[in-house]
Amino acid sequence: MTLQPEAGDARPFGITRVDHTGITVSSLKDSLDFWVGTLGFQHLYTWDFKNDAFIENLVGLKVLR
């Protein structure tokens, strides 16, 4: 892959699809404001998970109870 654009091409490459991504954030509202409002991503849904050992291990954070 080359990072030099070809003649007439403004970008050397483009992301056309992202499938499964998880991001742990401290503020869902602030994060959505950035990802949707600033970067233009589309927010499809939000899942609420029960805070248990599996989720704490998955995201790498202990939830304060």
Protein backbone atom coordinates (compact mmCIF):
# COMPACT_ATOMS: atom_id res chain seq x y z
CA MET A 1 0.00 0.00 0.00
CA THR A 2 1.25 3.45 -0.81
CA LEU A 3 0.48 6.56 1.20
CA GLN A 4 0.86 8.81 -1.81
CA PRO A 5 -2.44 9.63 -3.53
CA GLU A 6 -2.74 8.86 -7.21
CA ALA A 7 -3.31 11.70 -9.66
CA GLY A 8 -6.74 13.25 -9.10
CA ASP A 9 -7.32 11.34 -5.85
CA ALA A 10 -7.64 13.56 -2.77
CA ARG A 11 -7.14 10.67 -0.30
CA PRO A 12 -4.68 7.75 -0.35
CA PHE A 13 -7.29 5.38 1.11
CA GLY A 14 -10.64 5.45 2.87
CA ILE A 15 -12.43 3.41 5.49
CA THR A 16 -15.65 2.12 3.99
CA ARG A 17 -16.91 -0.02 6.89
CA VAL A 18 -16.32 -0.76 10.55
CA ASP A 19 -18.09 -3.80 11.91
CA HIS A 20 -17.71 -4.49 15.64
CA THR A 21 -16.03 -1.98 17.91
CA GLY A 22 -16.22 -1.38 21.65
CA ILE A 23 -14.92 1.70 23.43
CA THR A 24 -15.01 2.28 27.20
CA VAL A 25 -15.56 5.93 28.09
CA SER A 26 -16.09 7.97 31.24
CA SER A 27 -18.99 9.98 29.79
CA LEU A 28 -21.32 8.47 27.21
CA LYS A 29 -22.94 11.85 26.52
CA ASP A 30 -19.62 13.63 25.89
CA SER A 31 -18.39 10.73 23.75
CA LEU A 32 -21.53 10.68 21.61
CA ASP A 33 -21.32 14.45 21.20
CA PHE A 34 -17.80 13.99 19.80
CA TRP A 35 -18.30 10.86 17.66
CA VAL A 36 -21.68 11.92 16.24
CA GLY A 37 -21.64 15.71 16.45
CA THR A 38 -18.01 16.34 15.55
CA LEU A 39 -16.92 13.33 13.47
CA GLY A 40 -20.29 12.65 11.85
CA PHE A 41 -20.69 9.00 12.87
CA GLN A 42 -24.20 7.56 13.11
CA HIS A 43 -25.35 6.38 16.56
CA LEU A 44 -27.33 3.18 16.04
CA TYR A 45 -28.06 1.99 19.57
CA THR A 46 -26.82 1.87 23.16
CA TRP A 47 -26.77 -1.30 25.24
CA ASP A 48 -27.06 -1.24 29.00
CA PHE A 49 -25.21 -4.13 30.62
CA LYS A 50 -25.57 -5.45 34.14
CA ASN A 51 -22.37 -4.67 36.04
CA ASP A 52 -20.91 -8.08 36.84
CA ALA A 53 -17.49 -9.74 36.86
CA PHE A 54 -17.68 -10.62 33.14
CA ILE A 55 -18.29 -7.01 32.07
CA GLU A 56 -15.65 -5.67 34.49
CA ASN A 57 -13.12 -8.09 33.00
CA LEU A 58 -14.20 -7.32 29.43
CA VAL A 59 -13.77 -3.55 29.74
CA GLY A 60 -10.87 -3.71 32.20
CA LEU A 61 -12.53 -1.53 34.85
CA LYS A 62 -14.03 -2.28 38.23
CA VAL A 63 -17.42 -0.66 38.69
CA LEU A 64 -17.97 1.17 41.96
CA ARG A 65 -20.94 -0.36 43.75
